[in-house]
Amino acid sequence: MKPNRSIPSATVIPELCYPDVRAAVEWLSAAFGFSERARARGARILVEPTDFEYGERQYAAEDLAGHQWTFSQTLAEVAPEEWGGQSVG
């Protein structure tokens, strides 16, 4: 994973409730299993993949239970001052 001081790294452990856990695991694995693309498995794409000036590519999707997911990929290390931000600390 590439570092980018414009967007701090974080570990997120989501807790989601589904009425049929086995079906949800199958769907989530197929839809978000790093293959092209979630739409093919029925995800509703809320924001198409977009490259941002702060060095990230992101897209947002909604799964079969209405949960919204945002996926982010670091493309480059970009100083906040290069896109109008400010370094802190």
C-alpha atoms as a PDB file:
ATOM      1  CA  MET A   1       0.000   0.000   0.000  1.00  0.00           C
ATOM      2  CA  LYS A   2       1.392   3.382  -0.994  1.00  0.00           C
ATOM      3  CA  PRO A   3       1.546   6.003   1.770  1.00  0.00           C
ATOM      4  CA  ASN A   4      -0.148   9.359   1.233  1.00  0.00           C
ATOM      5  CA  ARG A   5       0.064  12.064   3.900  1.00  0.00           C
ATOM      6  CA  SER A   6      -2.981  13.793   2.390  1.00  0.00           C
ATOM      7  CA  ILE A   7      -5.229  10.945   3.533  1.00  0.00           C
ATOM      8  CA  PRO A   8      -4.232   9.088   6.706  1.00  0.00           C
ATOM      9  CA  SER A   9      -4.236   5.303   6.724  1.00  0.00           C
ATOM     10  CA  ALA A  10      -6.831   3.650   8.897  1.00  0.00           C
ATOM     11  CA  THR A  11      -8.044   0.206   9.855  1.00  0.00           C
ATOM     12  CA  VAL A  12     -11.792  -0.175   9.777  1.00  0.00           C
ATOM     13  CA  ILE A  13     -13.679  -3.205  11.040  1.00  0.00           C
ATOM     14  CA  PRO A  14     -17.294  -2.820   9.958  1.00  0.00           C
ATOM     15  CA  GLU A  15     -20.122  -4.580  11.719  1.00  0.00           C
ATOM     16  CA  LEU A  16     -23.033  -5.233   9.406  1.00  0.00           C
ATOM     17  CA  CYS A  17     -26.274  -7.122   9.932  1.00  0.00           C
ATOM     18  CA  TYR A  18     -27.769  -9.230   7.137  1.00  0.00           C
ATOM     19  CA  PRO A  19     -30.911 -11.369   7.243  1.00  0.00           C
ATOM     20  CA  ASP A  20     -29.111 -14.258   5.444  1.00  0.00           C
ATOM     21  CA  VAL A  21     -25.444 -14.255   6.421  1.00  0.00           C
ATOM     22  CA  ARG A  22     -24.393 -17.067   4.047  1.00  0.00           C
ATOM     23  CA  ALA A  23     -25.964 -15.277   1.062  1.00  0.00           C
ATOM     24  CA  ALA A  24     -24.394 -11.984   2.131  1.00  0.00           C
ATOM     25  CA  VAL A  25     -20.909 -13.525   2.444  1.00  0.00           C
ATOM     26  CA  GLU A  26     -21.216 -15.066  -1.025  1.00  0.00           C
ATOM     27  CA  TRP A  27     -22.482 -11.808  -2.524  1.00  0.00           C
ATOM     28  CA  LEU A  28     -19.920  -9.586  -0.760  1.00  0.00           C
ATOM     29  CA  SER A  29     -17.047 -11.907  -1.735  1.00  0.00           C
ATOM     30  CA  ALA A  30     -18.145 -11.962  -5.360  1.00  0.00           C
ATOM     31  CA  ALA A  31     -19.026  -8.266  -5.540  1.00  0.00           C
ATOM     32  CA  PHE A  32     -16.037  -6.824  -3.687  1.00  0.00           C
ATOM     33  CA  GLY A  33     -13.454  -9.525  -4.327  1.00  0.00           C
ATOM     34  CA  PHE A  34     -11.122  -7.243  -6.288  1.00  0.00           C
ATOM     35  CA  SER A  35     -12.471  -8.253  -9.651  1.00  0.00           C
ATOM     36  CA  GLU A  36     -14.025  -5.982 -12.287  1.00  0.00           C
ATOM     37  CA  ARG A  37     -16.620  -4.952 -11.152  1.00  0.00           C
ATOM     38  CA  ALA A  38     -19.208  -4.878  -8.300  1.00  0.00           C
ATOM     39  CA  ARG A  39     -21.922  -3.760 -10.724  1.00  0.00           C
ATOM     40  CA  ALA A  40     -21.877  -7.189 -12.398  1.00  0.00           C
ATOM     41  CA  ARG A  41     -23.116  -8.737  -9.138  1.00  0.00           C
ATOM     42  CA  GLY A  42     -25.899  -6.220  -8.577  1.00  0.00           C
ATOM     43  CA  ALA A  43     -24.199  -3.465  -6.596  1.00  0.00           C
ATOM     44  CA  ARG A  44     -25.571  -0.019  -7.268  1.00  0.00           C
ATOM     45  CA  ILE A  45     -22.645   2.270  -8.076  1.00  0.00           C
ATOM     46  CA  LEU A  46     -23.204   5.554  -6.253  1.00  0.00           C
ATOM     47  CA  VAL A  47     -19.984   7.287  -7.348  1.00  0.00           C
ATOM     48  CA  GLU A  48     -18.042   6.062 -10.376  1.00  0.00           C
ATOM     49  CA  PRO A  49     -14.265   5.570  -9.887  1.00  0.00           C
ATOM     50  CA  THR A  50     -12.780   9.049  -9.597  1.00  0.00           C
ATOM     51  CA  ASP A  51      -9.172  10.235  -9.272  1.00  0.00           C
ATOM     52  CA  PHE A  52      -8.789  13.062  -6.740  1.00  0.00           C
ATOM     53  CA  GLU A  53      -6.116  15.773  -6.604  1.00  0.00           C
ATOM     54  CA  TYR A  54      -4.958  14.546  -3.187  1.00  0.00           C
ATOM     55  CA  GLY A  55      -3.681  11.282  -4.702  1.00  0.00           C
ATOM     56  CA  GLU A  56      -6.578   8.900  -4.160  1.00  0.00           C
ATOM     57  CA  ARG A  57      -8.913   7.007  -6.496  1.00  0.00           C
ATOM     58  CA  GLN A  58     -12.291   6.251  -4.934  1.00  0.00           C
ATOM     59  CA  TYR A  59     -15.679   4.864  -5.786  1.00  0.00           C
ATOM     60  CA  ALA A  60     -18.799   4.210  -3.758  1.00  0.00           C
ATOM     61  CA  ALA A  61     -21.319   1.398  -4.057  1.00  0.00           C
ATOM     62  CA  GLU A  62     -24.418   0.160  -2.294  1.00  0.00           C
ATOM     63  CA  ASP A  63     -24.754  -3.569  -1.561  1.00  0.00           C
ATOM     64  CA  LEU A  64     -27.818  -5.816  -1.663  1.00  0.00           C
ATOM     65  CA  ALA A  65     -28.858  -4.784   1.876  1.00  0.00           C
ATOM     66  CA  GLY A  66     -28.496  -1.051   1.255  1.00  0.00           C
ATOM     67  CA  HIS A  67     -25.118  -0.692   3.012  1.00  0.00           C
ATOM     68  CA  GLN A  68     -22.914   1.926   1.394  1.00  0.00           C
ATOM     69  CA  TRP A  69     -19.230   1.179   0.812  1.00  0.00           C
ATOM     70  CA  THR A  70     -16.424   3.524  -0.239  1.00  0.00           C
ATOM     71  CA  PHE A  71     -13.288   1.979  -1.724  1.00  0.00           C
ATOM     72  CA  SER A  72     -10.084   3.971  -1.949  1.00  0.00           C
ATOM     73  CA  GLN A  73      -6.745   3.349  -3.647  1.00  0.00           C
ATOM     74  CA  THR A  74      -3.674   5.527  -3.149  1.00  0.00           C
ATOM     75  CA  LEU A  75      -2.251   6.579  -6.503  1.00  0.00           C
ATOM     76  CA  ALA A  76       0.481   8.951  -5.347  1.00  0.00           C
ATOM     77  CA  GLU A  77       1.980  10.700  -2.347  1.00  0.00           C
ATOM     78  CA  VAL A  78       0.741  14.286  -2.643  1.00  0.00           C
ATOM     79  CA  ALA A  79       1.625  17.089  -0.247  1.00  0.00           C
ATOM     80  CA  PRO A  80      -1.545  18.803   1.002  1.00  0.00           C
ATOM     81  CA  GLU A  81      -0.176  22.165  -0.165  1.00  0.00           C
ATOM     82  CA  GLU A  82      -0.199  20.871  -3.779  1.00  0.00           C
ATOM     83  CA  TRP A  83      -4.003  20.640  -3.807  1.00  0.00           C
ATOM     84  CA  GLY A  84      -4.907  23.529  -1.514  1.00  0.00           C
ATOM     85  CA  GLY A  85      -4.669  21.751   1.843  1.00  0.00           C
ATOM     86  CA  GLN A  86      -2.423  22.415   4.805  1.00  0.00           C
ATOM     87  CA  SER A  87       0.049  20.111   6.590  1.00  0.00           C
ATOM     88  CA  VAL A  88      -0.600  19.783  10.314  1.00  0.00           C
ATOM     89  CA  GLY A  89       1.905  18.684  12.916  1.00  0.00           C
END
